[in-house]
Amino acid sequence: MSQLSFFGADTAPPALSDLSGLLASQGRIVTRTADSAQITVMVEAPWRASAIADQIIATGLTAAIDALPDGSARVCTADVSDLVPLATAWSRGGSKRVPAGWVPSAGALRAWFLAAGRMEVVGERYVLGLDPDAPGTYVSLSEALMVAGIAPTLISPHGAPPGLRVSGPRRIARLAESVGAPPDDSEARAIWPRHEHFDHYM
């Protein structure tokens, strides 16, 4: 398997398909009409919302952030025809599904971590959060991450959202290489996957 270059998400050209990482997490894509669709994702912290909005804008779409009283935020893309193929691929009968053969790009992994990534133990265990309302996606997402070279463990801890745990130096290094440097925020840097090649960002 070929190795990703360092800062994979930072060096790869932005693509609409990278937004599939939001759907691997708790994100939703809704077909508003036959000709348009919109992605919406709820996140727990302002830095996540800002970074996701930046990634959306980098793909050429517009983004809106709605801050909520509890400190969480809702990030929405524009309602556009360009997202209809993604909506078709990730939906079946009104439910979320993982497209056959989907493997997360570096950009998709970054979007996934921005939306739902968390750290369990510094430098030892990180988790990519899953959609609590879409348990039918968990096995497919685990397999997709494995194909990407980051074999995970499916977890469902008491009191925390389900997720795919990444542990072991090689897997964490590959995750870190893929998601690139953290957003310029102290909270983000505190939970971001670390790699010796960009420790100076931390």
N, C-alpha and C. Protein backbone atom coordinates (compact mmCIF):
# COMPACT_ATOMS: atom_id res chain seq x y z
N MET A 1 0.85 -1.18 0.00
CA MET A 1 0.00 0.00 0.00
C MET A 1 0.88 1.24 0.00
N SER A 2 0.58 2.21 -0.86
CA SER A 2 1.39 3.41 -0.93
C SER A 2 1.20 4.24 0.32
N GLN A 3 2.23 4.99 0.67
CA GLN A 3 2.18 5.83 1.86
C GLN A 3 1.70 7.22 1.50
N LEU A 4 0.87 7.80 2.36
CA LEU A 4 0.45 9.17 2.17
C LEU A 4 1.60 10.10 2.52
N SER A 5 1.69 11.23 1.83
CA SER A 5 2.72 12.20 2.17
C SER A 5 2.31 12.93 3.43
N PHE A 6 3.29 13.51 4.11
CA PHE A 6 2.98 14.28 5.30
C PHE A 6 2.09 15.44 4.94
N PHE A 7 1.19 15.78 5.89
CA PHE A 7 0.23 16.84 5.68
C PHE A 7 -0.67 16.55 4.49
N GLY A 8 -1.13 15.31 4.38
CA GLY A 8 -1.95 14.90 3.25
C GLY A 8 -3.11 15.81 2.98
N ALA A 9 -3.89 16.16 4.02
CA ALA A 9 -5.05 17.02 3.82
C ALA A 9 -4.65 18.44 3.49
N ASP A 10 -3.44 18.84 3.88
CA ASP A 10 -2.99 20.20 3.62
C ASP A 10 -2.46 20.37 2.20
N THR A 11 -1.99 19.29 1.61
CA THR A 11 -1.36 19.39 0.30
C THR A 11 -2.26 18.96 -0.84
N ALA A 12 -3.26 18.12 -0.57
CA ALA A 12 -4.16 17.65 -1.63
C ALA A 12 -5.12 18.77 -2.02
N PRO A 13 -5.44 18.91 -3.30
CA PRO A 13 -6.41 19.92 -3.73
C PRO A 13 -7.77 19.66 -3.08
N PRO A 14 -8.44 20.69 -2.58
CA PRO A 14 -9.76 20.49 -1.96
C PRO A 14 -10.75 19.90 -2.97
N ALA A 15 -11.61 19.01 -2.51
CA ALA A 15 -12.59 18.37 -3.39
C ALA A 15 -13.91 18.23 -2.65
N LEU A 16 -15.02 18.33 -3.38
CA LEU A 16 -16.33 18.14 -2.76
C LEU A 16 -16.44 16.78 -2.09
N SER A 17 -15.78 15.79 -2.66
CA SER A 17 -15.85 14.44 -2.10
C SER A 17 -15.24 14.37 -0.70
N ASP A 18 -14.37 15.34 -0.35
CA ASP A 18 -13.80 15.37 1.00
C ASP A 18 -14.87 15.59 2.06
N LEU A 19 -15.98 16.21 1.66
CA LEU A 19 -17.05 16.48 2.62
C LEU A 19 -17.77 15.21 3.04
N SER A 20 -17.46 14.10 2.38
CA SER A 20 -18.02 12.82 2.81
C SER A 20 -17.55 12.47 4.21
N GLY A 21 -16.42 13.04 4.64
CA GLY A 21 -15.95 12.82 6.00
C GLY A 21 -16.92 13.34 7.04
N LEU A 22 -17.67 14.38 6.71
CA LEU A 22 -18.69 14.88 7.62
C LEU A 22 -19.82 13.87 7.77
N LEU A 23 -20.09 13.15 6.69
CA LEU A 23 -21.17 12.15 6.71
C LEU A 23 -20.73 10.88 7.43
N ALA A 24 -19.43 10.61 7.44
CA ALA A 24 -18.92 9.47 8.21
C ALA A 24 -19.14 9.72 9.70
N SER A 25 -19.20 10.99 10.08
CA SER A 25 -19.50 11.35 11.47
C SER A 25 -21.00 11.58 11.60
N GLN A 26 -21.39 12.57 12.38
CA GLN A 26 -22.80 12.82 12.63
C GLN A 26 -23.46 13.73 11.60
N GLY A 27 -22.74 14.05 10.54
CA GLY A 27 -23.28 14.93 9.52
C GLY A 27 -24.46 14.33 8.77
N ARG A 28 -25.29 15.20 8.22
CA ARG A 28 -26.46 14.80 7.46
C ARG A 28 -26.42 15.46 6.08
N ILE A 29 -26.89 14.75 5.09
CA ILE A 29 -27.07 15.36 3.78
C ILE A 29 -28.52 15.17 3.38
N VAL A 30 -29.14 16.26 2.98
CA VAL A 30 -30.57 16.26 2.68
C VAL A 30 -30.78 16.75 1.26
N THR A 31 -31.55 16.01 0.49
CA THR A 31 -31.92 16.44 -0.86
C THR A 31 -33.13 17.33 -0.73
N ARG A 32 -32.94 18.61 -0.97
CA ARG A 32 -34.03 19.57 -0.82
C ARG A 32 -35.02 19.48 -1.98
N THR A 33 -34.47 19.37 -3.18
CA THR A 33 -35.29 19.18 -4.38
C THR A 33 -34.58 18.12 -5.21
N ALA A 34 -35.12 17.82 -6.37
CA ALA A 34 -34.46 16.85 -7.25
C ALA A 34 -33.12 17.38 -7.74
N ASP A 35 -32.94 18.70 -7.60
CA ASP A 35 -31.75 19.33 -8.18
C ASP A 35 -30.81 19.94 -7.17
N SER A 36 -31.02 19.72 -5.87
CA SER A 36 -30.11 20.34 -4.90
C SER A 36 -30.06 19.53 -3.61
N ALA A 37 -28.96 19.69 -2.90
CA ALA A 37 -28.78 19.01 -1.62
C ALA A 37 -27.92 19.89 -0.72
N GLN A 38 -27.98 19.59 0.57
CA GLN A 38 -27.27 20.38 1.57
C GLN A 38 -26.72 19.47 2.67
N ILE A 39 -25.49 19.76 3.10
CA ILE A 39 -24.90 19.04 4.23
C ILE A 39 -25.00 19.90 5.47
N THR A 40 -25.41 19.29 6.56
CA THR A 40 -25.48 19.96 7.86
C THR A 40 -24.79 19.08 8.90
N VAL A 41 -24.02 19.70 9.77
CA VAL A 41 -23.37 18.93 10.84
C VAL A 41 -23.39 19.74 12.13
N MET A 42 -23.75 19.08 13.21
CA MET A 42 -23.72 19.69 14.54
C MET A 42 -22.39 19.35 15.20
N VAL A 43 -21.75 20.35 15.78
CA VAL A 43 -20.47 20.12 16.45
C VAL A 43 -20.50 20.77 17.83
N GLU A 44 -19.59 20.32 18.68
CA GLU A 44 -19.65 20.70 20.09
C GLU A 44 -18.85 21.94 20.44
N ALA A 45 -18.04 22.44 19.50
CA ALA A 45 -17.16 23.56 19.85
C ALA A 45 -17.02 24.53 18.68
N PRO A 46 -16.87 25.82 18.97
CA PRO A 46 -16.73 26.82 17.90
C PRO A 46 -15.56 26.55 16.97
N TRP A 47 -14.42 26.07 17.51
CA TRP A 47 -13.27 25.85 16.64
C TRP A 47 -13.57 24.80 15.59
N ARG A 48 -14.36 23.79 15.95
CA ARG A 48 -14.73 22.77 14.98
C ARG A 48 -15.58 23.39 13.86
N ALA A 49 -16.54 24.20 14.26
CA ALA A 49 -17.42 24.83 13.27
C ALA A 49 -16.62 25.71 12.31
N SER A 50 -15.72 26.51 12.86
CA SER A 50 -14.92 27.41 12.01
C SER A 50 -14.05 26.64 11.04
N ALA A 51 -13.40 25.58 11.53
CA ALA A 51 -12.50 24.81 10.68
C ALA A 51 -13.28 24.06 9.60
N ILE A 52 -14.46 23.54 9.95
CA ILE A 52 -15.28 22.85 8.95
C ILE A 52 -15.76 23.85 7.90
N ALA A 53 -16.19 25.03 8.34
CA ALA A 53 -16.61 26.05 7.39
C ALA A 53 -15.48 26.41 6.43
N ASP A 54 -14.27 26.53 6.96
CA ASP A 54 -13.11 26.83 6.10
C ASP A 54 -12.91 25.73 5.06
N GLN A 55 -13.07 24.47 5.47
CA GLN A 55 -12.88 23.37 4.53
C GLN A 55 -13.98 23.38 3.47
N ILE A 56 -15.20 23.66 3.88
CA ILE A 56 -16.31 23.74 2.92
C ILE A 56 -16.03 24.84 1.90
N ILE A 57 -15.63 26.00 2.38
CA ILE A 57 -15.35 27.14 1.49
C ILE A 57 -14.22 26.81 0.53
N ALA A 58 -13.22 26.05 1.01
CA ALA A 58 -12.10 25.66 0.15
C ALA A 58 -12.54 24.81 -1.03
N THR A 59 -13.67 24.11 -0.88
CA THR A 59 -14.17 23.29 -2.00
C THR A 59 -14.93 24.11 -3.02
N GLY A 60 -15.17 25.38 -2.71
CA GLY A 60 -15.89 26.25 -3.65
C GLY A 60 -17.33 26.52 -3.26
N LEU A 61 -17.79 25.94 -2.15
CA LEU A 61 -19.14 26.19 -1.68
C LEU A 61 -19.14 27.28 -0.62
N THR A 62 -20.31 27.79 -0.31
CA THR A 62 -20.43 28.70 0.81
C THR A 62 -20.85 27.91 2.05
N ALA A 63 -20.59 28.49 3.21
CA ALA A 63 -20.91 27.82 4.47
C ALA A 63 -21.51 28.82 5.43
N ALA A 64 -22.40 28.32 6.29
CA ALA A 64 -23.00 29.16 7.33
C ALA A 64 -22.86 28.47 8.67
N ILE A 65 -22.63 29.25 9.72
CA ILE A 65 -22.50 28.73 11.07
C ILE A 65 -23.58 29.35 11.94
N ASP A 66 -24.33 28.49 12.62
CA ASP A 66 -25.33 28.95 13.59
C ASP A 66 -24.84 28.56 14.98
N ALA A 67 -24.46 29.55 15.77
CA ALA A 67 -24.03 29.28 17.15
C ALA A 67 -25.25 29.05 18.02
N LEU A 68 -25.20 28.04 18.87
CA LEU A 68 -26.32 27.69 19.73
C LEU A 68 -26.02 28.06 21.19
N PRO A 69 -27.06 28.27 22.00
CA PRO A 69 -26.86 28.74 23.38
C PRO A 69 -25.98 27.84 24.24
N ASP A 70 -25.95 26.55 23.96
CA ASP A 70 -25.16 25.64 24.79
C ASP A 70 -23.69 25.58 24.39
N GLY A 71 -23.29 26.41 23.44
CA GLY A 71 -21.90 26.44 23.01
C GLY A 71 -21.62 25.59 21.79
N SER A 72 -22.56 24.76 21.40
CA SER A 72 -22.40 23.97 20.18
C SER A 72 -22.74 24.83 18.97
N ALA A 73 -22.58 24.27 17.79
CA ALA A 73 -22.85 25.03 16.58
C ALA A 73 -23.32 24.10 15.46
N ARG A 74 -24.08 24.68 14.56
CA ARG A 74 -24.53 23.96 13.37
C ARG A 74 -23.83 24.58 12.16
N VAL A 75 -23.21 23.74 11.36
CA VAL A 75 -22.55 24.21 10.14
C VAL A 75 -23.31 23.66 8.94
N CYS A 76 -23.64 24.53 8.00
CA CYS A 76 -24.39 24.11 6.82
C CYS A 76 -23.68 24.56 5.56
N THR A 77 -23.72 23.71 4.54
CA THR A 77 -23.27 24.12 3.23
C THR A 77 -24.41 24.86 2.55
N ALA A 78 -24.10 25.45 1.41
CA ALA A 78 -25.16 25.96 0.55
C ALA A 78 -25.99 24.79 0.05
N ASP A 79 -27.21 25.07 -0.35
CA ASP A 79 -28.11 24.07 -0.93
C ASP A 79 -27.88 24.11 -2.44
N VAL A 80 -27.09 23.15 -2.96
CA VAL A 80 -26.63 23.25 -4.35
C VAL A 80 -26.74 21.92 -5.09
N SER A 81 -26.75 22.01 -6.39
CA SER A 81 -26.84 20.81 -7.23
C SER A 81 -25.56 19.98 -7.17
N ASP A 82 -24.43 20.63 -6.89
CA ASP A 82 -23.15 19.91 -6.87
C ASP A 82 -23.12 18.80 -5.82
N LEU A 83 -23.97 18.90 -4.80
CA LEU A 83 -23.96 17.91 -3.72
C LEU A 83 -24.94 16.76 -3.95
N VAL A 84 -25.72 16.81 -5.02
CA VAL A 84 -26.70 15.75 -5.28
C VAL A 84 -26.02 14.38 -5.44
N PRO A 85 -24.91 14.26 -6.19
CA PRO A 85 -24.26 12.94 -6.29
C PRO A 85 -23.83 12.39 -4.93
N LEU A 86 -23.36 13.26 -4.04
CA LEU A 86 -22.97 12.82 -2.70
C LEU A 86 -24.20 12.36 -1.92
N ALA A 87 -25.30 13.09 -2.06
CA ALA A 87 -26.53 12.71 -1.37
C ALA A 87 -27.03 11.36 -1.87
N THR A 88 -26.96 11.16 -3.16
CA THR A 88 -27.41 9.89 -3.74
C THR A 88 -26.55 8.73 -3.25
N ALA A 89 -25.24 8.97 -3.19
CA ALA A 89 -24.32 7.90 -2.79
C ALA A 89 -24.47 7.53 -1.32
N TRP A 90 -24.78 8.52 -0.47
CA TRP A 90 -24.79 8.30 0.98
C TRP A 90 -26.19 8.09 1.56
N SER A 91 -27.18 7.94 0.72
CA SER A 91 -28.55 7.76 1.21
C SER A 91 -29.21 6.57 0.55
N ARG A 92 -30.04 5.89 1.34
CA ARG A 92 -30.85 4.81 0.80
C ARG A 92 -32.13 4.71 1.63
N GLY A 93 -33.26 4.92 0.98
CA GLY A 93 -34.53 4.82 1.68
C GLY A 93 -34.65 5.75 2.86
N GLY A 94 -34.04 6.92 2.77
CA GLY A 94 -34.11 7.88 3.86
C GLY A 94 -33.10 7.65 4.96
N SER A 95 -32.27 6.62 4.85
CA SER A 95 -31.25 6.33 5.86
C SER A 95 -29.85 6.55 5.30
N LYS A 96 -28.92 6.83 6.20
CA LYS A 96 -27.53 7.01 5.80
C LYS A 96 -26.90 5.66 5.50
N ARG A 97 -26.14 5.59 4.43
CA ARG A 97 -25.38 4.37 4.12
C ARG A 97 -24.03 4.78 3.57
N VAL A 98 -23.06 3.90 3.75
CA VAL A 98 -21.71 4.14 3.23
C VAL A 98 -21.64 3.58 1.83
N PRO A 99 -21.26 4.38 0.84
CA PRO A 99 -21.19 3.87 -0.53
C PRO A 99 -20.23 2.69 -0.65
N ALA A 100 -20.57 1.74 -1.47
CA ALA A 100 -19.69 0.59 -1.70
C ALA A 100 -18.35 1.07 -2.24
N GLY A 101 -17.28 0.58 -1.64
CA GLY A 101 -15.95 0.93 -2.11
C GLY A 101 -15.43 2.27 -1.62
N TRP A 102 -16.20 2.96 -0.79
CA TRP A 102 -15.73 4.26 -0.30
C TRP A 102 -14.52 4.08 0.62
N VAL A 103 -13.48 4.86 0.33
CA VAL A 103 -12.29 4.91 1.17
C VAL A 103 -12.00 6.38 1.44
N PRO A 104 -11.87 6.79 2.69
CA PRO A 104 -11.69 8.21 2.97
C PRO A 104 -10.36 8.75 2.44
N SER A 105 -10.46 9.86 1.73
CA SER A 105 -9.27 10.59 1.31
C SER A 105 -8.68 11.30 2.52
N ALA A 106 -7.51 11.89 2.34
CA ALA A 106 -6.92 12.66 3.43
C ALA A 106 -7.85 13.79 3.83
N GLY A 107 -8.46 14.46 2.85
CA GLY A 107 -9.37 15.55 3.14
C GLY A 107 -10.62 15.07 3.88
N ALA A 108 -11.12 13.89 3.51
CA ALA A 108 -12.29 13.34 4.19
C ALA A 108 -11.95 12.97 5.63
N LEU A 109 -10.76 12.43 5.85
CA LEU A 109 -10.34 12.12 7.21
C LEU A 109 -10.20 13.38 8.05
N ARG A 110 -9.72 14.45 7.44
CA ARG A 110 -9.63 15.71 8.18
C ARG A 110 -11.03 16.21 8.56
N ALA A 111 -11.96 16.18 7.59
CA ALA A 111 -13.32 16.61 7.87
C ALA A 111 -13.94 15.76 8.98
N TRP A 112 -13.70 14.46 8.93
CA TRP A 112 -14.22 13.53 9.93
C TRP A 112 -13.67 13.88 11.31
N PHE A 113 -12.37 14.11 11.39
CA PHE A 113 -11.77 14.43 12.70
C PHE A 113 -12.23 15.80 13.18
N LEU A 114 -12.36 16.76 12.28
CA LEU A 114 -12.85 18.07 12.68
C LEU A 114 -14.24 17.98 13.29
N ALA A 115 -15.07 17.13 12.71
CA ALA A 115 -16.45 17.02 13.17
C ALA A 115 -16.58 16.20 14.45
N ALA A 116 -15.78 15.13 14.56
CA ALA A 116 -16.04 14.19 15.65
C ALA A 116 -14.80 13.49 16.19
N GLY A 117 -13.63 14.03 15.94
CA GLY A 117 -12.42 13.41 16.46
C GLY A 117 -12.19 13.76 17.91
N ARG A 118 -11.64 12.82 18.64
CA ARG A 118 -11.31 13.09 20.04
C ARG A 118 -10.08 12.27 20.45
N MET A 119 -9.45 12.71 21.53
CA MET A 119 -8.27 12.02 22.05
C MET A 119 -8.66 11.30 23.33
N GLU A 120 -8.23 10.05 23.47
CA GLU A 120 -8.43 9.31 24.72
C GLU A 120 -7.20 9.36 25.60
N VAL A 121 -6.04 9.10 25.00
CA VAL A 121 -4.77 9.13 25.72
C VAL A 121 -3.76 9.82 24.82
N VAL A 122 -3.06 10.82 25.34
CA VAL A 122 -2.12 11.60 24.53
C VAL A 122 -1.13 10.70 23.83
N GLY A 123 -1.10 10.79 22.50
CA GLY A 123 -0.13 10.05 21.71
C GLY A 123 -0.37 8.56 21.62
N GLU A 124 -1.45 8.06 22.25
CA GLU A 124 -1.66 6.62 22.28
C GLU A 124 -2.99 6.16 21.71
N ARG A 125 -4.06 6.95 21.91
CA ARG A 125 -5.37 6.54 21.42
C ARG A 125 -6.17 7.76 20.98
N TYR A 126 -6.69 7.68 19.77
CA TYR A 126 -7.57 8.71 19.23
C TYR A 126 -8.82 8.04 18.70
N VAL A 127 -9.90 8.78 18.62
CA VAL A 127 -11.17 8.21 18.19
C VAL A 127 -11.81 9.09 17.13
N LEU A 128 -12.28 8.46 16.07
CA LEU A 128 -13.11 9.12 15.06
C LEU A 128 -14.55 8.78 15.41
N GLY A 129 -15.31 9.80 15.79
CA GLY A 129 -16.68 9.58 16.24
C GLY A 129 -17.59 9.12 15.12
N LEU A 130 -18.60 8.33 15.50
CA LEU A 130 -19.59 7.80 14.56
C LEU A 130 -20.95 8.43 14.84
N ASP A 131 -21.86 8.25 13.91
CA ASP A 131 -23.20 8.79 14.03
C ASP A 131 -24.05 7.89 14.93
N PRO A 132 -24.45 8.35 16.11
CA PRO A 132 -25.25 7.50 17.00
C PRO A 132 -26.57 7.03 16.37
N ASP A 133 -27.04 7.79 15.38
CA ASP A 133 -28.31 7.47 14.74
C ASP A 133 -28.16 6.62 13.48
N ALA A 134 -26.94 6.20 13.17
CA ALA A 134 -26.72 5.41 11.96
C ALA A 134 -25.82 4.21 12.26
N PRO A 135 -26.23 3.32 13.17
CA PRO A 135 -25.39 2.17 13.52
C PRO A 135 -25.11 1.24 12.35
N GLY A 136 -25.96 1.28 11.34
CA GLY A 136 -25.74 0.44 10.17
C GLY A 136 -24.52 0.82 9.36
N THR A 137 -23.93 1.98 9.66
CA THR A 137 -22.74 2.42 8.92
C THR A 137 -21.44 1.99 9.58
N TYR A 138 -21.50 1.51 10.82
CA TYR A 138 -20.28 1.34 11.60
C TYR A 138 -19.31 0.32 11.00
N VAL A 139 -19.82 -0.83 10.61
CA VAL A 139 -18.94 -1.87 10.07
C VAL A 139 -18.30 -1.40 8.77
N SER A 140 -19.10 -0.78 7.90
CA SER A 140 -18.56 -0.31 6.62
C SER A 140 -17.51 0.77 6.82
N LEU A 141 -17.74 1.66 7.78
CA LEU A 141 -16.75 2.71 8.04
C LEU A 141 -15.47 2.13 8.63
N SER A 142 -15.60 1.13 9.48
CA SER A 142 -14.43 0.46 10.03
C SER A 142 -13.62 -0.18 8.92
N GLU A 143 -14.29 -0.84 8.00
CA GLU A 143 -13.61 -1.48 6.87
C GLU A 143 -12.96 -0.45 5.96
N ALA A 144 -13.64 0.67 5.75
CA ALA A 144 -13.08 1.72 4.90
C ALA A 144 -11.82 2.30 5.50
N LEU A 145 -11.83 2.50 6.82
CA LEU A 145 -10.65 3.04 7.49
C LEU A 145 -9.50 2.03 7.43
N MET A 146 -9.83 0.76 7.50
CA MET A 146 -8.80 -0.27 7.39
C MET A 146 -8.14 -0.23 6.01
N VAL A 147 -8.95 -0.08 4.97
CA VAL A 147 -8.41 0.01 3.62
C VAL A 147 -7.51 1.24 3.47
N ALA A 148 -7.85 2.31 4.20
CA ALA A 148 -7.03 3.52 4.18
C ALA A 148 -5.72 3.36 4.94
N GLY A 149 -5.52 2.20 5.56
CA GLY A 149 -4.28 1.94 6.26
C GLY A 149 -4.31 2.29 7.73
N ILE A 150 -5.53 2.47 8.28
CA ILE A 150 -5.67 2.85 9.69
C ILE A 150 -6.65 1.87 10.33
N ALA A 151 -6.22 0.67 10.60
CA ALA A 151 -7.11 -0.35 11.16
C ALA A 151 -7.60 0.08 12.54
N PRO A 152 -8.93 0.25 12.72
CA PRO A 152 -9.46 0.75 13.98
C PRO A 152 -10.12 -0.35 14.82
N THR A 153 -10.53 0.03 16.01
CA THR A 153 -11.34 -0.81 16.87
C THR A 153 -12.66 -0.10 17.11
N LEU A 154 -13.77 -0.77 16.87
CA LEU A 154 -15.08 -0.18 17.10
C LEU A 154 -15.37 -0.15 18.60
N ILE A 155 -15.73 1.02 19.12
CA ILE A 155 -16.01 1.14 20.55
C ILE A 155 -17.36 1.83 20.75
N SER A 156 -17.98 1.55 21.86
CA SER A 156 -19.22 2.21 22.25
C SER A 156 -19.19 2.41 23.76
N PRO A 157 -18.36 3.35 24.22
CA PRO A 157 -18.16 3.54 25.66
C PRO A 157 -19.40 4.10 26.34
N HIS A 158 -19.58 3.76 27.59
CA HIS A 158 -20.71 4.27 28.36
C HIS A 158 -20.59 5.78 28.52
N GLY A 159 -21.65 6.49 28.14
CA GLY A 159 -21.67 7.93 28.32
C GLY A 159 -20.94 8.71 27.25
N ALA A 160 -20.44 8.05 26.22
CA ALA A 160 -19.74 8.75 25.14
C ALA A 160 -20.25 8.21 23.80
N PRO A 161 -20.16 9.02 22.74
CA PRO A 161 -20.62 8.57 21.44
C PRO A 161 -19.78 7.39 20.94
N PRO A 162 -20.37 6.54 20.10
CA PRO A 162 -19.60 5.44 19.51
C PRO A 162 -18.51 6.00 18.60
N GLY A 163 -17.49 5.18 18.38
CA GLY A 163 -16.41 5.66 17.53
C GLY A 163 -15.50 4.55 17.09
N LEU A 164 -14.56 4.92 16.26
CA LEU A 164 -13.52 4.01 15.79
C LEU A 164 -12.21 4.45 16.43
N ARG A 165 -11.69 3.61 17.31
CA ARG A 165 -10.46 3.95 18.04
C ARG A 165 -9.24 3.60 17.19
N VAL A 166 -8.31 4.53 17.14
CA VAL A 166 -7.04 4.32 16.44
C VAL A 166 -5.93 4.31 17.49
N SER A 167 -5.17 3.22 17.53
CA SER A 167 -4.09 3.11 18.50
C SER A 167 -2.88 2.46 17.82
N GLY A 168 -1.74 2.59 18.46
CA GLY A 168 -0.51 2.05 17.89
C GLY A 168 0.22 3.12 17.10
N PRO A 169 1.54 3.19 17.24
CA PRO A 169 2.33 4.25 16.61
C PRO A 169 2.13 4.38 15.11
N ARG A 170 2.13 3.27 14.39
CA ARG A 170 2.01 3.35 12.93
C ARG A 170 0.65 3.88 12.50
N ARG A 171 -0.40 3.40 13.13
CA ARG A 171 -1.75 3.84 12.75
C ARG A 171 -1.96 5.29 13.11
N ILE A 172 -1.48 5.70 14.29
CA ILE A 172 -1.62 7.10 14.68
C ILE A 172 -0.81 8.00 13.75
N ALA A 173 0.39 7.55 13.37
CA ALA A 173 1.20 8.33 12.45
C ALA A 173 0.49 8.51 11.11
N ARG A 174 -0.15 7.45 10.64
CA ARG A 174 -0.86 7.55 9.36
C ARG A 174 -2.07 8.48 9.48
N LEU A 175 -2.78 8.39 10.60
CA LEU A 175 -3.90 9.31 10.82
C LEU A 175 -3.40 10.75 10.87
N ALA A 176 -2.32 10.97 11.60
CA ALA A 176 -1.76 12.32 11.72
C ALA A 176 -1.31 12.86 10.37
N GLU A 177 -0.65 12.02 9.59
CA GLU A 177 -0.21 12.43 8.26
C GLU A 177 -1.40 12.81 7.39
N SER A 178 -2.48 12.08 7.54
CA SER A 178 -3.66 12.30 6.71
C SER A 178 -4.39 13.59 7.06
N VAL A 179 -4.64 13.81 8.35
CA VAL A 179 -5.45 14.97 8.73
C VAL A 179 -4.68 16.27 8.70
N GLY A 180 -3.36 16.20 8.64
CA GLY A 180 -2.56 17.41 8.52
C GLY A 180 -2.43 18.16 9.84
N ALA A 181 -2.00 19.40 9.73
CA ALA A 181 -1.78 20.23 10.92
C ALA A 181 -3.10 20.65 11.53
N PRO A 182 -3.12 20.88 12.84
CA PRO A 182 -4.37 21.27 13.51
C PRO A 182 -4.77 22.70 13.17
N PRO A 183 -6.05 23.01 13.34
CA PRO A 183 -6.47 24.42 13.23
C PRO A 183 -5.72 25.26 14.25
N ASP A 184 -5.66 26.54 14.00
CA ASP A 184 -4.94 27.45 14.90
C ASP A 184 -5.82 27.79 16.10
N ASP A 185 -5.94 26.81 16.99
CA ASP A 185 -6.76 26.97 18.18
C ASP A 185 -6.19 26.06 19.26
N SER A 186 -6.12 26.56 20.47
CA SER A 186 -5.50 25.78 21.55
C SER A 186 -6.29 24.51 21.87
N GLU A 187 -7.62 24.58 21.81
CA GLU A 187 -8.42 23.38 22.07
C GLU A 187 -8.19 22.33 21.00
N ALA A 188 -8.09 22.77 19.76
CA ALA A 188 -7.83 21.84 18.67
C ALA A 188 -6.47 21.18 18.82
N ARG A 189 -5.45 21.99 19.10
CA ARG A 189 -4.10 21.45 19.23
C ARG A 189 -4.01 20.44 20.37
N ALA A 190 -4.80 20.65 21.42
CA ALA A 190 -4.73 19.77 22.59
C ALA A 190 -5.22 18.36 22.30
N ILE A 191 -6.11 18.19 21.31
CA ILE A 191 -6.67 16.85 21.05
C ILE A 191 -6.25 16.30 19.69
N TRP A 192 -5.41 17.04 18.96
CA TRP A 192 -5.08 16.66 17.58
C TRP A 192 -4.08 15.50 17.55
N PRO A 193 -4.23 14.57 16.61
CA PRO A 193 -3.25 13.47 16.48
C PRO A 193 -1.86 14.03 16.24
N ARG A 194 -0.91 13.51 16.99
CA ARG A 194 0.44 14.05 16.93
C ARG A 194 1.36 13.16 16.11
N HIS A 195 2.31 13.81 15.48
CA HIS A 195 3.34 13.11 14.72
C HIS A 195 4.62 13.92 14.87
N GLU A 196 5.72 13.24 15.00
CA GLU A 196 7.00 13.94 15.25
C GLU A 196 7.35 14.95 14.17
N HIS A 197 6.83 14.74 12.95
CA HIS A 197 7.18 15.65 11.87
C HIS A 197 6.45 16.97 11.95
N PHE A 198 5.40 17.08 12.78
CA PHE A 198 4.81 18.40 12.94
C PHE A 198 4.49 18.72 14.39
N ASP A 199 5.35 18.22 15.29
CA ASP A 199 5.20 18.57 16.70
C ASP A 199 5.35 20.08 16.91
N HIS A 200 6.06 20.76 16.01
CA HIS A 200 6.25 22.19 16.21
C HIS A 200 4.96 22.98 16.02
N TYR A 201 3.90 22.32 15.49
CA TYR A 201 2.62 23.00 15.40
C TYR A 201 1.87 22.98 16.72
N MET A 202 2.27 22.12 17.65
CA MET A 202 1.48 21.88 18.85
C MET A 202 1.78 22.91 19.96
